[in-house]
Amino acid sequence: MFIFQVESGGLVCGHVAVETVPLGQGAEFEARLPLHVNAAVWRRLRIGELVEEAIESVRSISVALTSKLPYDLAEDDPKLADVFGLYRDVATQEYERARPGPKSILTVDLLREIVVPAYLSGGRKGLQSVQRALQAAGYPGSGPNFDVTNDQARAAVRKARALKIIPPAVRKDDR
């Protein structure tokens, strides 16, 4: 069971409940004796995929409702107008699938304002100057004492190169 909320124009799953019924029993099973939910059951559940399917289901219902129901029914009743507006918002919402893992905090602005000047002014030690600049800017590092690591500086330069903010590296042989 999923409980959804609409926040800032987007549909958000705020609650997931797992209910179990003995195998071979359906809705006619009156007592609904719960089964034990162990670690193996939790490992098999793909909560993210289930939530995405449920959101798509709610969106398809919203699209069907907004396309079939006349809006003039809601003119007399403000509560009904709010409900229609909610369904219309959900039906027209752009849904972006969540990527696994943490969101990147290496934004284009951070790259342009901190990484690029540090790399270009660093000379032969560009990565070290990027590392120092990120540390000075308060970028959360993953090293001891939350220091910015060489790998994080390298990733920042790599991302800046991929966005074509920093020119590609040139080898000594290619000059």
Protein backbone atom coordinates (compact mmCIF):
# COMPACT_ATOMS: atom_id res chain seq x y z
CA MET A 1 0.00 0.00 0.00
CA PHE A 2 1.31 3.43 -0.93
CA ILE A 3 0.30 6.81 0.44
CA PHE A 4 1.04 9.73 -1.86
CA GLN A 5 1.29 13.46 -1.26
CA VAL A 6 1.48 16.34 -3.71
CA GLU A 7 4.37 18.61 -2.85
CA SER A 8 5.37 21.62 -4.95
CA GLY A 9 3.39 20.32 -7.91
CA GLY A 10 4.91 16.84 -7.76
CA LEU A 11 3.59 13.50 -6.62
CA VAL A 12 5.66 12.05 -3.78
CA CYS A 13 5.36 8.65 -2.12
CA GLY A 14 5.43 9.35 1.60
CA HIS A 15 4.58 5.93 3.00
CA VAL A 16 4.94 2.30 1.95
CA ALA A 17 3.22 -0.48 3.89
CA VAL A 18 3.88 -4.17 3.33
CA GLU A 19 1.02 -6.54 4.13
CA THR A 20 1.25 -10.30 3.85
CA VAL A 21 -1.41 -12.97 3.44
CA PRO A 22 -0.80 -16.74 3.59
CA LEU A 23 0.08 -18.20 0.18
CA GLY A 24 -2.84 -19.55 -1.82
CA GLN A 25 -5.31 -17.26 -0.05
CA GLY A 26 -6.99 -14.34 -1.70
CA ALA A 27 -9.28 -11.52 -0.71
CA GLU A 28 -11.82 -14.02 0.62
CA PHE A 29 -9.44 -14.90 3.47
CA GLU A 30 -11.25 -13.17 6.34
CA ALA A 31 -8.74 -13.22 9.20
CA ARG A 32 -5.77 -12.11 7.07
CA LEU A 33 -3.22 -13.77 9.27
CA PRO A 34 0.08 -12.04 8.60
CA LEU A 35 3.12 -14.01 7.53
CA HIS A 36 6.57 -13.37 8.91
CA VAL A 37 8.43 -10.76 6.85
CA ASN A 38 12.10 -11.64 7.10
CA ALA A 39 15.26 -10.30 5.49
CA ALA A 40 14.83 -12.54 2.44
CA VAL A 41 11.44 -10.98 1.73
CA TRP A 42 12.82 -7.47 2.07
CA ARG A 43 15.72 -8.27 -0.27
CA ARG A 44 13.30 -9.49 -2.94
CA LEU A 45 11.12 -6.39 -2.74
CA ARG A 46 12.13 -3.67 -5.12
CA ILE A 47 10.54 -0.73 -3.34
CA GLY A 48 11.78 1.88 -5.80
CA GLU A 49 10.36 0.05 -8.80
CA LEU A 50 7.06 -0.54 -7.00
CA VAL A 51 6.79 3.14 -6.10
CA GLU A 52 7.51 4.17 -9.71
CA GLU A 53 4.83 1.75 -10.99
CA ALA A 54 2.35 3.11 -8.45
CA ILE A 55 3.12 6.71 -9.45
CA GLU A 56 2.60 5.84 -13.11
CA SER A 57 -0.69 4.16 -12.19
CA VAL A 58 -1.87 7.25 -10.30
CA ARG A 59 -0.79 9.46 -13.21
CA SER A 60 -2.71 7.34 -15.74
CA ILE A 61 -5.82 7.50 -13.54
CA SER A 62 -5.38 11.27 -13.26
CA VAL A 63 -5.02 11.62 -17.04
CA ALA A 64 -8.16 9.54 -17.56
CA LEU A 65 -10.13 11.57 -15.02
CA THR A 66 -9.04 14.95 -16.31
CA SER A 67 -9.79 14.01 -19.90
CA LYS A 68 -13.24 12.50 -19.23
CA LEU A 69 -14.77 14.66 -16.48
CA PRO A 70 -16.19 18.08 -17.37
CA TYR A 71 -14.63 20.92 -15.41
CA ASP A 72 -17.89 22.86 -15.18
CA LEU A 73 -19.05 20.38 -12.52
CA ALA A 74 -16.47 21.87 -10.17
CA GLU A 75 -17.61 25.49 -10.59
CA ASP A 76 -20.29 25.24 -7.88
CA ASP A 77 -18.24 23.33 -5.30
CA PRO A 78 -14.81 24.72 -4.28
CA LYS A 79 -13.76 21.38 -2.74
CA LEU A 80 -14.52 19.58 -5.97
CA ALA A 81 -12.58 22.28 -7.85
CA ASP A 82 -9.58 21.63 -5.59
CA VAL A 83 -9.80 17.89 -6.28
CA PHE A 84 -10.01 18.47 -10.05
CA GLY A 85 -7.05 20.85 -9.81
CA LEU A 86 -5.06 18.21 -7.93
CA TYR A 87 -5.79 15.58 -10.56
CA ARG A 88 -4.93 18.05 -13.33
CA ASP A 89 -1.60 18.87 -11.62
CA VAL A 90 -0.70 15.20 -11.24
CA ALA A 91 -1.70 14.45 -14.84
CA THR A 92 0.47 17.22 -16.27
CA GLN A 93 3.45 16.74 -13.94
CA GLU A 94 6.79 15.95 -15.49
CA TYR A 95 8.07 12.89 -13.68
CA GLU A 96 11.82 12.34 -13.54
CA ARG A 97 12.99 8.91 -12.47
CA ALA A 98 15.27 8.98 -9.50
CA ARG A 99 18.79 7.77 -10.06
CA PRO A 100 20.34 5.53 -7.46
CA GLY A 101 23.00 7.02 -5.24
CA PRO A 102 23.54 10.49 -3.87
CA LYS A 103 22.90 13.56 -5.97
CA SER A 104 25.98 15.23 -7.37
CA ILE A 105 26.92 18.49 -5.75
CA LEU A 106 29.41 19.31 -8.49
CA THR A 107 27.15 21.84 -10.19
CA VAL A 108 28.07 23.74 -13.31
CA ASP A 109 28.27 26.95 -11.26
CA LEU A 110 30.70 25.35 -8.80
CA LEU A 111 32.81 24.10 -11.69
CA ARG A 112 32.88 27.51 -13.38
CA GLU A 113 33.51 29.56 -10.24
CA ILE A 114 35.97 27.35 -8.36
CA VAL A 115 37.34 24.42 -10.35
CA VAL A 116 38.13 26.09 -13.69
CA PRO A 117 40.04 29.12 -12.31
CA ALA A 118 41.96 26.92 -9.88
CA TYR A 119 42.87 24.41 -12.60
CA LEU A 120 43.89 27.01 -15.16
CA SER A 121 45.98 29.01 -12.67
CA GLY A 122 47.54 25.89 -11.14
CA GLY A 123 50.09 25.36 -13.88
CA ARG A 124 51.70 21.93 -13.66
CA LYS A 125 49.92 21.18 -10.38
CA GLY A 126 46.36 21.86 -11.53
CA LEU A 127 44.79 18.99 -9.62
CA GLN A 128 46.40 20.07 -6.35
CA SER A 129 45.17 23.63 -6.82
CA VAL A 130 41.65 22.32 -7.57
CA GLN A 131 41.83 20.21 -4.42
CA ARG A 132 42.88 23.21 -2.33
CA ALA A 133 40.23 25.45 -3.91
CA LEU A 134 37.45 22.93 -3.26
CA GLN A 135 38.64 22.54 0.32
CA ALA A 136 38.69 26.32 0.81
CA ALA A 137 35.20 26.64 -0.67
CA GLY A 138 33.81 24.20 1.90
CA TYR A 139 33.15 21.34 -0.52
CA PRO A 140 32.38 18.23 1.58
CA GLY A 141 35.32 15.90 1.13
CA SER A 142 35.37 12.17 1.68
CA GLY A 143 38.87 11.99 3.13
CA PRO A 144 39.89 11.98 6.76
CA ASN A 145 38.48 15.01 8.59
CA PHE A 146 36.27 15.53 5.50
CA ASP A 147 39.22 16.68 3.41
CA VAL A 148 38.83 16.82 -0.36
CA THR A 149 40.71 13.90 -1.91
CA ASN A 150 42.74 13.73 -5.13
CA ASP A 151 40.02 11.53 -6.62
CA GLN A 152 37.38 14.17 -5.92
CA ALA A 153 39.51 16.87 -7.54
CA ARG A 154 40.16 14.58 -10.51
CA ALA A 155 36.39 13.92 -10.82
CA ALA A 156 35.69 17.66 -10.78
CA VAL A 157 38.22 18.27 -13.57
CA ARG A 158 36.84 15.30 -15.53
CA LYS A 159 33.30 16.65 -15.25
CA ALA A 160 34.45 20.14 -16.30
CA ARG A 161 36.18 18.62 -19.33
CA ALA A 162 33.05 16.63 -20.21
CA LEU A 163 31.04 19.87 -20.11
CA LYS A 164 33.78 21.48 -22.26
CA ILE A 165 34.49 24.15 -19.65
CA ILE A 166 38.15 23.11 -19.46
CA PRO A 167 40.02 22.36 -22.69
CA PRO A 168 41.03 18.75 -23.24
CA ALA A 169 44.36 17.61 -21.87
CA VAL A 170 47.30 17.73 -24.27
CA ARG A 171 50.19 15.30 -23.98
CA LYS A 172 53.74 16.45 -24.41
CA ASP A 173 54.08 14.28 -27.52
CA ASP A 174 51.07 15.94 -29.17
CA ARG A 175 52.30 19.53 -28.85
